[in-house]
Amino acid sequence: MLRTPTGQRRLDILEWLRDPATHFPDHRYVPEAGVTSEAVAAKLGVSRQVADTHLELLAGMGLLRVRRIRLRTYYRRDEVRIAEVARMFEKSW
């Protein structure tokens, strides 16, 4: 799922969320919560619905943590899970 052109967007999102304060300076970034799908959509140059699809897939894989604050949903990396997945790929399953 990460080796397709669409997958490259997902890899970009994971990379940006490694240092969100740098990659999303014009958007509200909440350190303990993450960034919104609107911020990701603006950076990708796509609609919020497209960004939501990517973010929900990454969250469903366990690579992102999701936190709801009032009317907004925030996303941030789950570093423990990302490390686990990386180890699985290193072992070639």
PDB file of N, CA and C in Angstrom:
ATOM      1  N   MET A   1       0.811  -1.195   0.000  1.00  0.00           N
ATOM      2  CA  MET A   1       0.000   0.000   0.000  1.00  0.00           C
ATOM      3  C   MET A   1       0.854   1.258   0.000  1.00  0.00           C
ATOM      4  N   LEU A   2       2.099   1.151   0.420  1.00  0.00           N
ATOM      5  CA  LEU A   2       2.952   2.330   0.455  1.00  0.00           C
ATOM      6  C   LEU A   2       3.858   2.433  -0.765  1.00  0.00           C
ATOM      7  N   ARG A   3       3.780   1.466  -1.671  1.00  0.00           N
ATOM      8  CA  ARG A   3       4.654   1.473  -2.841  1.00  0.00           C
ATOM      9  C   ARG A   3       3.988   2.010  -4.103  1.00  0.00           C
ATOM     10  N   THR A   4       2.789   2.482  -4.007  1.00  0.00           N
ATOM     11  CA  THR A   4       2.078   3.044  -5.150  1.00  0.00           C
ATOM     12  C   THR A   4       2.276   4.557  -5.156  1.00  0.00           C
ATOM     13  N   PRO A   5       1.927   5.242  -6.256  1.00  0.00           N
ATOM     14  CA  PRO A   5       2.017   6.707  -6.236  1.00  0.00           C
ATOM     15  C   PRO A   5       1.202   7.311  -5.087  1.00  0.00           C
ATOM     16  N   THR A   6       0.043   6.742  -4.821  1.00  0.00           N
ATOM     17  CA  THR A   6      -0.762   7.200  -3.689  1.00  0.00           C
ATOM     18  C   THR A   6      -0.024   6.909  -2.394  1.00  0.00           C
ATOM     19  N   GLY A   7       0.664   5.785  -2.348  1.00  0.00           N
ATOM     20  CA  GLY A   7       1.433   5.423  -1.169  1.00  0.00           C
ATOM     21  C   GLY A   7       2.543   6.418  -0.889  1.00  0.00           C
ATOM     22  N   GLN A   8       3.078   7.026  -1.939  1.00  0.00           N
ATOM     23  CA  GLN A   8       4.115   8.039  -1.733  1.00  0.00           C
ATOM     24  C   GLN A   8       3.559   9.223  -0.954  1.00  0.00           C
ATOM     25  N   ARG A   9       2.322   9.568  -1.226  1.00  0.00           N
ATOM     26  CA  ARG A   9       1.689  10.641  -0.452  1.00  0.00           C
ATOM     27  C   ARG A   9       1.610  10.256   1.019  1.00  0.00           C
ATOM     28  N   ARG A  10       1.301   9.011   1.272  1.00  0.00           N
ATOM     29  CA  ARG A  10       1.208   8.553   2.663  1.00  0.00           C
ATOM     30  C   ARG A  10       2.573   8.568   3.340  1.00  0.00           C
ATOM     31  N   LEU A  11       3.594   8.200   2.598  1.00  0.00           N
ATOM     32  CA  LEU A  11       4.952   8.274   3.145  1.00  0.00           C
ATOM     33  C   LEU A  11       5.342   9.723   3.412  1.00  0.00           C
ATOM     34  N   ASP A  12       4.936  10.624   2.515  1.00  0.00           N
ATOM     35  CA  ASP A  12       5.194  12.053   2.728  1.00  0.00           C
ATOM     36  C   ASP A  12       4.517  12.527   4.009  1.00  0.00           C
ATOM     37  N   ILE A  13       3.273  12.128   4.210  1.00  0.00           N
ATOM     38  CA  ILE A  13       2.540  12.523   5.418  1.00  0.00           C
ATOM     39  C   ILE A  13       3.278  12.032   6.663  1.00  0.00           C
ATOM     40  N   LEU A  14       3.711  10.775   6.649  1.00  0.00           N
ATOM     41  CA  LEU A  14       4.444  10.240   7.795  1.00  0.00           C
ATOM     42  C   LEU A  14       5.728  11.029   8.030  1.00  0.00           C
ATOM     43  N   GLU A  15       6.409  11.392   6.969  1.00  0.00           N
ATOM     44  CA  GLU A  15       7.645  12.173   7.096  1.00  0.00           C
ATOM     45  C   GLU A  15       7.351  13.559   7.659  1.00  0.00           C
ATOM     46  N   TRP A  16       6.326  14.222   7.155  1.00  0.00           N
ATOM     47  CA  TRP A  16       5.976  15.558   7.645  1.00  0.00           C
ATOM     48  C   TRP A  16       5.592  15.523   9.115  1.00  0.00           C
ATOM     49  N   LEU A  17       4.898  14.474   9.522  1.00  0.00           N
ATOM     50  CA  LEU A  17       4.454  14.388  10.909  1.00  0.00           C
ATOM     51  C   LEU A  17       5.601  14.041  11.864  1.00  0.00           C
ATOM     52  N   ARG A  18       6.740  13.690  11.306  1.00  0.00           N
ATOM     53  CA  ARG A  18       7.924  13.468  12.153  1.00  0.00           C
ATOM     54  C   ARG A  18       8.337  14.787  12.821  1.00  0.00           C
ATOM     55  N   ASP A  19       8.193  15.895  12.070  1.00  0.00           N
ATOM     56  CA  ASP A  19       8.512  17.223  12.588  1.00  0.00           C
ATOM     57  C   ASP A  19       7.426  18.204  12.142  1.00  0.00           C
ATOM     58  N   PRO A  20       6.239  18.108  12.726  1.00  0.00           N
ATOM     59  CA  PRO A  20       5.109  18.907  12.255  1.00  0.00           C
ATOM     60  C   PRO A  20       5.285  20.412  12.418  1.00  0.00           C
ATOM     61  N   ALA A  21       6.009  20.847  13.428  1.00  0.00           N
ATOM     62  CA  ALA A  21       6.197  22.285  13.621  1.00  0.00           C
ATOM     63  C   ALA A  21       6.946  22.898  12.445  1.00  0.00           C
ATOM     64  N   THR A  22       7.840  22.147  11.825  1.00  0.00           N
ATOM     65  CA  THR A  22       8.586  22.620  10.667  1.00  0.00           C
ATOM     66  C   THR A  22       7.748  22.546   9.400  1.00  0.00           C
ATOM     67  N   HIS A  23       7.018  21.472   9.214  1.00  0.00           N
ATOM     68  CA  HIS A  23       6.283  21.241   7.968  1.00  0.00           C
ATOM     69  C   HIS A  23       4.917  21.907   7.915  1.00  0.00           C
ATOM     70  N   PHE A  24       4.387  22.300   9.055  1.00  0.00           N
ATOM     71  CA  PHE A  24       3.066  22.931   9.097  1.00  0.00           C
ATOM     72  C   PHE A  24       3.122  24.241   9.882  1.00  0.00           C
ATOM     73  N   PRO A  25       4.023  25.160   9.521  1.00  0.00           N
ATOM     74  CA  PRO A  25       4.176  26.380  10.322  1.00  0.00           C
ATOM     75  C   PRO A  25       2.976  27.329  10.234  1.00  0.00           C
ATOM     76  N   ASP A  26       2.253  27.314   9.136  1.00  0.00           N
ATOM     77  CA  ASP A  26       1.134  28.244   8.970  1.00  0.00           C
ATOM     78  C   ASP A  26      -0.179  27.705   9.536  1.00  0.00           C
ATOM     79  N   HIS A  27      -0.152  26.504  10.051  1.00  0.00           N
ATOM     80  CA  HIS A  27      -1.368  25.888  10.568  1.00  0.00           C
ATOM     81  C   HIS A  27      -1.234  25.672  12.064  1.00  0.00           C
ATOM     82  N   ARG A  28      -2.362  25.593  12.696  1.00  0.00           N
ATOM     83  CA  ARG A  28      -2.321  25.334  14.131  1.00  0.00           C
ATOM     84  C   ARG A  28      -1.825  23.916  14.372  1.00  0.00           C
ATOM     85  N   TYR A  29      -0.721  23.840  15.073  1.00  0.00           N
ATOM     86  CA  TYR A  29      -0.149  22.560  15.451  1.00  0.00           C
ATOM     87  C   TYR A  29      -0.232  22.473  16.967  1.00  0.00           C
ATOM     88  N   VAL A  30      -0.859  21.425  17.454  1.00  0.00           N
ATOM     89  CA  VAL A  30      -0.986  21.220  18.891  1.00  0.00           C
ATOM     90  C   VAL A  30      -0.013  20.100  19.267  1.00  0.00           C
ATOM     91  N   PRO A  31       1.078  20.432  19.970  1.00  0.00           N
ATOM     92  CA  PRO A  31       2.123  19.442  20.234  1.00  0.00           C
ATOM     93  C   PRO A  31       1.623  18.116  20.798  1.00  0.00           C
ATOM     94  N   GLU A  32       0.699  18.156  21.749  1.00  0.00           N
ATOM     95  CA  GLU A  32       0.235  16.905  22.345  1.00  0.00           C
ATOM     96  C   GLU A  32      -0.814  16.192  21.500  1.00  0.00           C
ATOM     97  N   ALA A  33      -1.320  16.864  20.455  1.00  0.00           N
ATOM     98  CA  ALA A  33      -2.381  16.265  19.643  1.00  0.00           C
ATOM     99  C   ALA A  33      -1.950  16.006  18.200  1.00  0.00           C
ATOM    100  N   GLY A  34      -1.260  16.936  17.579  1.00  0.00           N
ATOM    101  CA  GLY A  34      -0.822  16.754  16.189  1.00  0.00           C
ATOM    102  C   GLY A  34      -1.349  17.834  15.270  1.00  0.00           C
ATOM    103  N   VAL A  35      -1.630  17.445  14.024  1.00  0.00           N
ATOM    104  CA  VAL A  35      -2.124  18.391  13.020  1.00  0.00           C
ATOM    105  C   VAL A  35      -3.468  17.908  12.488  1.00  0.00           C
ATOM    106  N   THR A  36      -4.215  18.819  11.907  1.00  0.00           N
ATOM    107  CA  THR A  36      -5.534  18.495  11.380  1.00  0.00           C
ATOM    108  C   THR A  36      -5.435  18.000   9.938  1.00  0.00           C
ATOM    109  N   SER A  37      -6.510  17.388   9.481  1.00  0.00           N
ATOM    110  CA  SER A  37      -6.562  16.951   8.086  1.00  0.00           C
ATOM    111  C   SER A  37      -6.567  18.151   7.146  1.00  0.00           C
ATOM    112  N   GLU A  38      -7.092  19.285   7.605  1.00  0.00           N
ATOM    113  CA  GLU A  38      -7.076  20.491   6.784  1.00  0.00           C
ATOM    114  C   GLU A  38      -5.646  20.932   6.498  1.00  0.00           C
ATOM    115  N   ALA A  39      -4.776  20.846   7.509  1.00  0.00           N
ATOM    116  CA  ALA A  39      -3.376  21.217   7.330  1.00  0.00           C
ATOM    117  C   ALA A  39      -2.689  20.263   6.350  1.00  0.00           C
ATOM    118  N   VAL A  40      -2.965  18.980   6.489  1.00  0.00           N
ATOM    119  CA  VAL A  40      -2.377  17.983   5.588  1.00  0.00           C
ATOM    120  C   VAL A  40      -2.899  18.192   4.165  1.00  0.00           C
ATOM    121  N   ALA A  41      -4.181  18.449   4.027  1.00  0.00           N
ATOM    122  CA  ALA A  41      -4.770  18.688   2.706  1.00  0.00           C
ATOM    123  C   ALA A  41      -4.119  19.889   2.027  1.00  0.00           C
ATOM    124  N   ALA A  42      -3.918  20.963   2.781  1.00  0.00           N
ATOM    125  CA  ALA A  42      -3.300  22.159   2.209  1.00  0.00           C
ATOM    126  C   ALA A  42      -1.885  21.867   1.744  1.00  0.00           C
ATOM    127  N   LYS A  43      -1.128  21.111   2.524  1.00  0.00           N
ATOM    128  CA  LYS A  43       0.259  20.779   2.151  1.00  0.00           C
ATOM    129  C   LYS A  43       0.293  19.850   0.943  1.00  0.00           C
ATOM    130  N   LEU A  44      -0.637  18.908   0.873  1.00  0.00           N
ATOM    131  CA  LEU A  44      -0.694  17.989  -0.271  1.00  0.00           C
ATOM    132  C   LEU A  44      -1.273  18.656  -1.517  1.00  0.00           C
ATOM    133  N   GLY A  45      -2.065  19.719  -1.323  1.00  0.00           N
ATOM    134  CA  GLY A  45      -2.742  20.362  -2.444  1.00  0.00           C
ATOM    135  C   GLY A  45      -3.945  19.575  -2.924  1.00  0.00           C
ATOM    136  N   VAL A  46      -4.631  18.949  -1.969  1.00  0.00           N
ATOM    137  CA  VAL A  46      -5.819  18.140  -2.290  1.00  0.00           C
ATOM    138  C   VAL A  46      -6.976  18.579  -1.402  1.00  0.00           C
ATOM    139  N   SER A  47      -8.153  18.021  -1.638  1.00  0.00           N
ATOM    140  CA  SER A  47      -9.308  18.326  -0.792  1.00  0.00           C
ATOM    141  C   SER A  47      -9.135  17.669   0.583  1.00  0.00           C
ATOM    142  N   ARG A  48      -9.896  18.169   1.543  1.00  0.00           N
ATOM    143  CA  ARG A  48      -9.838  17.596   2.886  1.00  0.00           C
ATOM    144  C   ARG A  48     -10.289  16.143   2.877  1.00  0.00           C
ATOM    145  N   GLN A  49     -11.253  15.812   2.022  1.00  0.00           N
ATOM    146  CA  GLN A  49     -11.744  14.426   1.961  1.00  0.00           C
ATOM    147  C   GLN A  49     -10.638  13.475   1.511  1.00  0.00           C
ATOM    148  N   VAL A  50      -9.828  13.906   0.553  1.00  0.00           N
ATOM    149  CA  VAL A  50      -8.716  13.066   0.087  1.00  0.00           C
ATOM    150  C   VAL A  50      -7.697  12.898   1.220  1.00  0.00           C
ATOM    151  N   ALA A  51      -7.373  13.984   1.902  1.00  0.00           N
ATOM    152  CA  ALA A  51      -6.442  13.908   3.030  1.00  0.00           C
ATOM    153  C   ALA A  51      -7.001  13.005   4.124  1.00  0.00           C
ATOM    154  N   ASP A  52      -8.303  13.130   4.404  1.00  0.00           N
ATOM    155  CA  ASP A  52      -8.940  12.270   5.403  1.00  0.00           C
ATOM    156  C   ASP A  52      -8.778  10.795   5.054  1.00  0.00           C
ATOM    157  N   THR A  53      -8.919  10.466   3.785  1.00  0.00           N
ATOM    158  CA  THR A  53      -8.771   9.081   3.351  1.00  0.00           C
ATOM    159  C   THR A  53      -7.370   8.563   3.664  1.00  0.00           C
ATOM    160  N   HIS A  54      -6.358   9.351   3.324  1.00  0.00           N
ATOM    161  CA  HIS A  54      -4.971   8.946   3.608  1.00  0.00           C
ATOM    162  C   HIS A  54      -4.735   8.819   5.108  1.00  0.00           C
ATOM    163  N   LEU A  55      -5.184   9.807   5.856  1.00  0.00           N
ATOM    164  CA  LEU A  55      -4.959   9.809   7.301  1.00  0.00           C
ATOM    165  C   LEU A  55      -5.702   8.668   7.984  1.00  0.00           C
ATOM    166  N   GLU A  56      -6.920   8.400   7.577  1.00  0.00           N
ATOM    167  CA  GLU A  56      -7.682   7.301   8.172  1.00  0.00           C
ATOM    168  C   GLU A  56      -7.051   5.955   7.866  1.00  0.00           C
ATOM    169  N   LEU A  57      -6.497   5.799   6.664  1.00  0.00           N
ATOM    170  CA  LEU A  57      -5.816   4.550   6.330  1.00  0.00           C
ATOM    171  C   LEU A  57      -4.575   4.371   7.206  1.00  0.00           C
ATOM    172  N   LEU A  58      -3.784   5.423   7.349  1.00  0.00           N
ATOM    173  CA  LEU A  58      -2.590   5.348   8.190  1.00  0.00           C
ATOM    174  C   LEU A  58      -2.962   5.103   9.647  1.00  0.00           C
ATOM    175  N   ALA A  59      -4.035   5.735  10.102  1.00  0.00           N
ATOM    176  CA  ALA A  59      -4.496   5.509  11.474  1.00  0.00           C
ATOM    177  C   ALA A  59      -5.008   4.079  11.643  1.00  0.00           C
ATOM    178  N   GLY A  60      -5.707   3.575  10.626  1.00  0.00           N
ATOM    179  CA  GLY A  60      -6.203   2.202  10.670  1.00  0.00           C
ATOM    180  C   GLY A  60      -5.087   1.171  10.720  1.00  0.00           C
ATOM    181  N   MET A  61      -3.948   1.518  10.118  1.00  0.00           N
ATOM    182  CA  MET A  61      -2.772   0.644  10.161  1.00  0.00           C
ATOM    183  C   MET A  61      -2.041   0.768  11.498  1.00  0.00           C
ATOM    184  N   GLY A  62      -2.474   1.732  12.301  1.00  0.00           N
ATOM    185  CA  GLY A  62      -1.853   1.937  13.601  1.00  0.00           C
ATOM    186  C   GLY A  62      -0.638   2.837  13.565  1.00  0.00           C
ATOM    187  N   LEU A  63      -0.368   3.483  12.434  1.00  0.00           N
ATOM    188  CA  LEU A  63       0.822   4.321  12.311  1.00  0.00           C
ATOM    189  C   LEU A  63       0.599   5.740  12.829  1.00  0.00           C
ATOM    190  N   LEU A  64      -0.656   6.130  12.953  1.00  0.00           N
ATOM    191  CA  LEU A  64      -0.991   7.453  13.474  1.00  0.00           C
ATOM    192  C   LEU A  64      -1.908   7.324  14.676  1.00  0.00           C
ATOM    193  N   ARG A  65      -1.751   8.227  15.602  1.00  0.00           N
ATOM    194  CA  ARG A  65      -2.674   8.341  16.728  1.00  0.00           C
ATOM    195  C   ARG A  65      -3.664   9.440  16.395  1.00  0.00           C
ATOM    196  N   VAL A  66      -4.890   9.238  16.788  1.00  0.00           N
ATOM    197  CA  VAL A  66      -5.965  10.172  16.487  1.00  0.00           C
ATOM    198  C   VAL A  66      -6.490  10.741  17.799  1.00  0.00           C
ATOM    199  N   ARG A  67      -6.677  12.056  17.803  1.00  0.00           N
ATOM    200  CA  ARG A  67      -7.233  12.703  18.995  1.00  0.00           C
ATOM    201  C   ARG A  67      -8.251  13.746  18.560  1.00  0.00           C
ATOM    202  N   ARG A  68      -9.401  13.675  19.160  1.00  0.00           N
ATOM    203  CA  ARG A  68     -10.485  14.606  18.847  1.00  0.00           C
ATOM    204  C   ARG A  68     -10.521  15.686  19.928  1.00  0.00           C
ATOM    205  N   ILE A  69     -10.450  16.949  19.506  1.00  0.00           N
ATOM    206  CA  ILE A  69     -10.560  18.082  20.417  1.00  0.00           C
ATOM    207  C   ILE A  69     -11.635  18.998  19.844  1.00  0.00           C
ATOM    208  N   ARG A  70     -12.715  19.084  20.573  1.00  0.00           N
ATOM    209  CA  ARG A  70     -13.899  19.837  20.133  1.00  0.00           C
ATOM    210  C   ARG A  70     -14.335  19.328  18.769  1.00  0.00           C
ATOM    211  N   LEU A  71     -14.334  20.188  17.754  1.00  0.00           N
ATOM    212  CA  LEU A  71     -14.822  19.779  16.433  1.00  0.00           C
ATOM    213  C   LEU A  71     -13.711  19.321  15.492  1.00  0.00           C
ATOM    214  N   ARG A  72     -12.483  19.317  15.964  1.00  0.00           N
ATOM    215  CA  ARG A  72     -11.361  18.967  15.092  1.00  0.00           C
ATOM    216  C   ARG A  72     -10.750  17.620  15.476  1.00  0.00           C
ATOM    217  N   THR A  73     -10.234  16.949  14.456  1.00  0.00           N
ATOM    218  CA  THR A  73      -9.512  15.703  14.665  1.00  0.00           C
ATOM    219  C   THR A  73      -8.054  15.968  14.351  1.00  0.00           C
ATOM    220  N   TYR A  74      -7.175  15.545  15.258  1.00  0.00           N
ATOM    221  CA  TYR A  74      -5.741  15.762  15.111  1.00  0.00           C
ATOM    222  C   TYR A  74      -5.038  14.419  14.938  1.00  0.00           C
ATOM    223  N   TYR A  75      -3.972  14.443  14.150  1.00  0.00           N
ATOM    224  CA  TYR A  75      -3.208  13.233  13.859  1.00  0.00           C
ATOM    225  C   TYR A  75      -1.746  13.454  14.212  1.00  0.00           C
ATOM    226  N   ARG A  76      -1.134  12.409  14.790  1.00  0.00           N
ATOM    227  CA  ARG A  76       0.304  12.430  15.028  1.00  0.00           C
ATOM    228  C   ARG A  76       0.841  11.007  14.904  1.00  0.00           C
ATOM    229  N   ARG A  77       2.119  10.926  14.709  1.00  0.00           N
ATOM    230  CA  ARG A  77       2.753   9.614  14.510  1.00  0.00           C
ATOM    231  C   ARG A  77       2.727   8.791  15.792  1.00  0.00           C
ATOM    232  N   ASP A  78       2.597   7.490  15.623  1.00  0.00           N
ATOM    233  CA  ASP A  78       2.760   6.546  16.731  1.00  0.00           C
ATOM    234  C   ASP A  78       4.138   5.914  16.529  1.00  0.00           C
ATOM    235  N   GLU A  79       5.121   6.512  17.170  1.00  0.00           N
ATOM    236  CA  GLU A  79       6.514   6.102  16.943  1.00  0.00           C
ATOM    237  C   GLU A  79       6.772   4.642  17.319  1.00  0.00           C
ATOM    238  N   VAL A  80       6.116   4.159  18.345  1.00  0.00           N
ATOM    239  CA  VAL A  80       6.305   2.762  18.765  1.00  0.00           C
ATOM    240  C   VAL A  80       5.811   1.826  17.662  1.00  0.00           C
ATOM    241  N   ARG A  81       4.629   2.069  17.161  1.00  0.00           N
ATOM    242  CA  ARG A  81       4.056   1.220  16.110  1.00  0.00           C
ATOM    243  C   ARG A  81       4.873   1.313  14.824  1.00  0.00           C
ATOM    244  N   ILE A  82       5.334   2.506  14.466  1.00  0.00           N
ATOM    245  CA  ILE A  82       6.153   2.666  13.261  1.00  0.00           C
ATOM    246  C   ILE A  82       7.435   1.851  13.393  1.00  0.00           C
ATOM    247  N   ALA A  83       8.047   1.859  14.564  1.00  0.00           N
ATOM    248  CA  ALA A  83       9.257   1.069  14.796  1.00  0.00           C
ATOM    249  C   ALA A  83       8.964  -0.424  14.676  1.00  0.00           C
ATOM    250  N   GLU A  84       7.817  -0.861  15.188  1.00  0.00           N
ATOM    251  CA  GLU A  84       7.434  -2.273  15.077  1.00  0.00           C
ATOM    252  C   GLU A  84       7.269  -2.683  13.617  1.00  0.00           C
ATOM    253  N   VAL A  85       6.595  -1.861  12.844  1.00  0.00           N
ATOM    254  CA  VAL A  85       6.385  -2.162  11.425  1.00  0.00           C
ATOM    255  C   VAL A  85       7.715  -2.184  10.694  1.00  0.00           C
ATOM    256  N   ALA A  86       8.592  -1.236  10.992  1.00  0.00           N
ATOM    257  CA  ALA A  86       9.914  -1.200  10.356  1.00  0.00           C
ATOM    258  C   ALA A  86      10.694  -2.477  10.660  1.00  0.00           C
ATOM    259  N   ARG A  87      10.613  -2.953  11.902  1.00  0.00           N
ATOM    260  CA  ARG A  87      11.308  -4.204  12.255  1.00  0.00           C
ATOM    261  C   ARG A  87      10.734  -5.395  11.486  1.00  0.00           C
ATOM    262  N   MET A  88       9.415  -5.415  11.301  1.00  0.00           N
ATOM    263  CA  MET A  88       8.805  -6.511  10.540  1.00  0.00           C
ATOM    264  C   MET A  88       9.325  -6.521   9.111  1.00  0.00           C
ATOM    265  N   PHE A  89       9.448  -5.335   8.496  1.00  0.00           N
ATOM    266  CA  PHE A  89       9.949  -5.283   7.130  1.00  0.00           C
ATOM    267  C   PHE A  89      11.414  -5.662   7.052  1.00  0.00           C
ATOM    268  N   GLU A  90      12.191  -5.297   8.074  1.00  0.00           N
ATOM    269  CA  GLU A  90      13.609  -5.672   8.105  1.00  0.00           C
ATOM    270  C   GLU A  90      13.777  -7.183   8.176  1.00  0.00           C
ATOM    271  N   LYS A  91      12.868  -7.842   8.900  1.00  0.00           N
ATOM    272  CA  LYS A  91      12.923  -9.298   9.033  1.00  0.00           C
ATOM    273  C   LYS A  91      12.330 -10.008   7.817  1.00  0.00           C
ATOM    274  N   SER A  92      11.768  -9.222   6.894  1.00  0.00           N
ATOM    275  CA  SER A  92      11.110  -9.760   5.706  1.00  0.00           C
ATOM    276  C   SER A  92       9.951 -10.683   6.065  1.00  0.00           C
ATOM    277  N   TRP A  93       9.270 -10.344   7.151  1.00  0.00           N
ATOM    278  CA  TRP A  93       8.110 -11.071   7.632  1.00  0.00           C
ATOM    279  C   TRP A  93       8.531 -12.473   7.897  1.00  0.00           C
TER     280      TRP A  93
END
